[in-house]
Amino acid sequence: QVQLKESGGGLVQAGGSLRLSCAASGPIFSNYAMGWFRQAPGKEREFVARIRWSASGIYYGDSVKGRFTISRDNAKNTLYLQMDSLKPEDTAVYYCALDTYAYTSTYYDKSRYDYWGQGTQVTVSS
């Protein structure tokens, strides 16, 4: 059974940076992929970024391209999201998720992810 736990959220001023981490435990295989989603109050859960466990196949949502960077450390079974140039509209609960099938064109679809963390709050003040 895979378990995911996010950390690193907090309060930051606009223009600042945060790095989120997601520690994965359980069987993680190279044909898996992991992603970040976020959900603001009253809004749908939104795709942020995705990476295959082999580190290829990196995708970003349009709203974060050029500002966020996804990466992973296989030795630590940890996923990261480096968030720079943060904006108030980035305020949300951020979730990491695992897809047990890495090769797909619908990487943005939250319904295809099999495991989720509990989320970490990111608040960006103006």
Foldseek 3Di string as FASTA:
>chain_A
DKAKAKDWADEEAAQAKTKMKIFIDDDDDQQKKKFKWWDDPPDDIWGAWMAGSVRPDIDGDPVQPPFKDWDADVVRNMIMIIGGRDDQVVWTWMKMFMANGNDDPVPGDPVRTDYIHPTDTHGYHD
